[in-house]
């Protein structure tokens, strides 16, 4: 495993704990995670891969976004999903 994968696994685990225990308000947790991803550049990598997979067909990117949001909203508060 690379360092990025380990970092993401730790970040996802910390995010799940923070969301479930609500140590901080959900909005603060989501925006903090987004900030961490932006600083490390991982958000851009994920967006680039989705864009690369979708190519010039925007409906594929929209379908990927819709699928991921619908899966996440089944487990997390919708406010957090929208923020992420």
C-alpha atoms as a PDB file:
ATOM      1  CA  UNK A   1       0.000   0.000   0.000  1.00  0.00           C
ATOM      2  CA  UNK A   2       1.171   3.463  -0.794  1.00  0.00           C
ATOM      3  CA  UNK A   3       1.226   6.337   1.656  1.00  0.00           C
ATOM      4  CA  UNK A   4      -1.756   7.982  -0.050  1.00  0.00           C
ATOM      5  CA  UNK A   5      -3.896   4.888   0.408  1.00  0.00           C
ATOM      6  CA  UNK A   6      -2.977   4.606   4.090  1.00  0.00           C
ATOM      7  CA  UNK A   7      -3.656   8.334   4.546  1.00  0.00           C
ATOM      8  CA  UNK A   8      -7.078   8.009   2.911  1.00  0.00           C
ATOM      9  CA  UNK A   9      -8.007   4.961   4.988  1.00  0.00           C
ATOM     10  CA  UNK A  10      -7.045   6.754   8.188  1.00  0.00           C
ATOM     11  CA  UNK A  11      -8.922   9.861   7.065  1.00  0.00           C
ATOM     12  CA  UNK A  12     -12.054   7.881   6.181  1.00  0.00           C
ATOM     13  CA  UNK A  13     -11.934   6.056   9.524  1.00  0.00           C
ATOM     14  CA  UNK A  14     -11.520   9.343  11.386  1.00  0.00           C
ATOM     15  CA  UNK A  15     -14.345  10.879   9.371  1.00  0.00           C
ATOM     16  CA  UNK A  16     -16.707   8.019  10.153  1.00  0.00           C
ATOM     17  CA  UNK A  17     -15.907   8.217  13.860  1.00  0.00           C
ATOM     18  CA  UNK A  18     -16.362  11.996  13.843  1.00  0.00           C
ATOM     19  CA  UNK A  19     -19.655  11.777  11.957  1.00  0.00           C
ATOM     20  CA  UNK A  20     -21.098   9.008  14.124  1.00  0.00           C
ATOM     21  CA  UNK A  21     -20.040  10.440  17.472  1.00  0.00           C
ATOM     22  CA  UNK A  22     -20.726  14.042  16.434  1.00  0.00           C
ATOM     23  CA  UNK A  23     -17.768  15.352  18.440  1.00  0.00           C
ATOM     24  CA  UNK A  24     -17.958  18.472  16.302  1.00  0.00           C
ATOM     25  CA  UNK A  25     -21.010  19.658  14.375  1.00  0.00           C
ATOM     26  CA  UNK A  26     -21.426  17.693  11.157  1.00  0.00           C
ATOM     27  CA  UNK A  27     -20.844  20.754   9.004  1.00  0.00           C
ATOM     28  CA  UNK A  28     -17.538  21.498  10.747  1.00  0.00           C
ATOM     29  CA  UNK A  29     -16.382  17.907  10.330  1.00  0.00           C
ATOM     30  CA  UNK A  30     -17.294  17.830   6.636  1.00  0.00           C
ATOM     31  CA  UNK A  31     -15.672  21.160   5.857  1.00  0.00           C
ATOM     32  CA  UNK A  32     -12.571  20.191   7.841  1.00  0.00           C
ATOM     33  CA  UNK A  33     -12.246  16.976   5.861  1.00  0.00           C
ATOM     34  CA  UNK A  34     -12.748  18.859   2.624  1.00  0.00           C
ATOM     35  CA  UNK A  35     -10.042  21.307   3.675  1.00  0.00           C
ATOM     36  CA  UNK A  36      -7.631  18.462   4.417  1.00  0.00           C
ATOM     37  CA  UNK A  37      -8.339  16.894   1.043  1.00  0.00           C
ATOM     38  CA  UNK A  38      -7.861  20.200  -0.739  1.00  0.00           C
ATOM     39  CA  UNK A  39      -4.552  20.907   1.019  1.00  0.00           C
ATOM     40  CA  UNK A  40      -3.206  17.450   0.199  1.00  0.00           C
ATOM     41  CA  UNK A  41      -4.495  17.570  -3.393  1.00  0.00           C
ATOM     42  CA  UNK A  42      -6.422  14.326  -3.138  1.00  0.00           C
ATOM     43  CA  UNK A  43      -9.747  15.974  -4.135  1.00  0.00           C
ATOM     44  CA  UNK A  44      -8.186  17.079  -7.408  1.00  0.00           C
ATOM     45  CA  UNK A  45      -6.909  13.576  -8.035  1.00  0.00           C
ATOM     46  CA  UNK A  46     -10.354  12.061  -7.494  1.00  0.00           C
ATOM     47  CA  UNK A  47     -12.024  14.684  -9.691  1.00  0.00           C
ATOM     48  CA  UNK A  48      -9.401  14.117 -12.386  1.00  0.00           C
ATOM     49  CA  UNK A  49     -10.019  10.386 -12.381  1.00  0.00           C
ATOM     50  CA  UNK A  50     -13.787  10.810 -12.616  1.00  0.00           C
ATOM     51  CA  UNK A  51     -13.277  13.283 -15.434  1.00  0.00           C
ATOM     52  CA  UNK A  52     -10.873  10.901 -17.157  1.00  0.00           C
ATOM     53  CA  UNK A  53     -13.307   7.996 -16.857  1.00  0.00           C
ATOM     54  CA  UNK A  54     -16.241  10.044 -18.115  1.00  0.00           C
ATOM     55  CA  UNK A  55     -14.282  11.537 -20.994  1.00  0.00           C
ATOM     56  CA  UNK A  56     -16.389  13.942 -22.984  1.00  0.00           C
ATOM     57  CA  UNK A  57     -19.650  12.377 -21.829  1.00  0.00           C
ATOM     58  CA  UNK A  58     -20.900  14.518 -18.994  1.00  0.00           C
ATOM     59  CA  UNK A  59     -23.736  12.167 -18.157  1.00  0.00           C
ATOM     60  CA  UNK A  60     -21.195   9.577 -16.964  1.00  0.00           C
ATOM     61  CA  UNK A  61     -19.692  12.085 -14.526  1.00  0.00           C
ATOM     62  CA  UNK A  62     -23.157  13.034 -13.321  1.00  0.00           C
ATOM     63  CA  UNK A  63     -24.063   9.354 -12.925  1.00  0.00           C
ATOM     64  CA  UNK A  64     -20.884   8.728 -10.898  1.00  0.00           C
ATOM     65  CA  UNK A  65     -21.635  11.709  -8.672  1.00  0.00           C
ATOM     66  CA  UNK A  66     -25.268  10.651  -8.241  1.00  0.00           C
ATOM     67  CA  UNK A  67     -24.261   7.100  -7.384  1.00  0.00           C
ATOM     68  CA  UNK A  68     -21.683   8.088  -4.798  1.00  0.00           C
ATOM     69  CA  UNK A  69     -23.972  10.651  -3.168  1.00  0.00           C
ATOM     70  CA  UNK A  70     -26.872   8.219  -2.989  1.00  0.00           C
ATOM     71  CA  UNK A  71     -24.667   5.543  -1.397  1.00  0.00           C
ATOM     72  CA  UNK A  72     -23.193   7.960   1.146  1.00  0.00           C
ATOM     73  CA  UNK A  73     -26.559   9.453   2.078  1.00  0.00           C
ATOM     74  CA  UNK A  74     -27.759   6.013   3.105  1.00  0.00           C
ATOM     75  CA  UNK A  75     -25.187   5.978   5.907  1.00  0.00           C
ATOM     76  CA  UNK A  76     -24.465   9.613   6.742  1.00  0.00           C
ATOM     77  CA  UNK A  77     -26.428  12.732   7.424  1.00  0.00           C
ATOM     78  CA  UNK A  78     -27.447  14.440   4.164  1.00  0.00           C
ATOM     79  CA  UNK A  79     -25.846  17.735   5.230  1.00  0.00           C
ATOM     80  CA  UNK A  80     -22.477  16.037   5.476  1.00  0.00           C
ATOM     81  CA  UNK A  81     -22.923  14.316   2.119  1.00  0.00           C
ATOM     82  CA  UNK A  82     -23.761  17.594   0.396  1.00  0.00           C
ATOM     83  CA  UNK A  83     -20.753  19.285   1.984  1.00  0.00           C
ATOM     84  CA  UNK A  84     -18.425  16.500   0.878  1.00  0.00           C
END
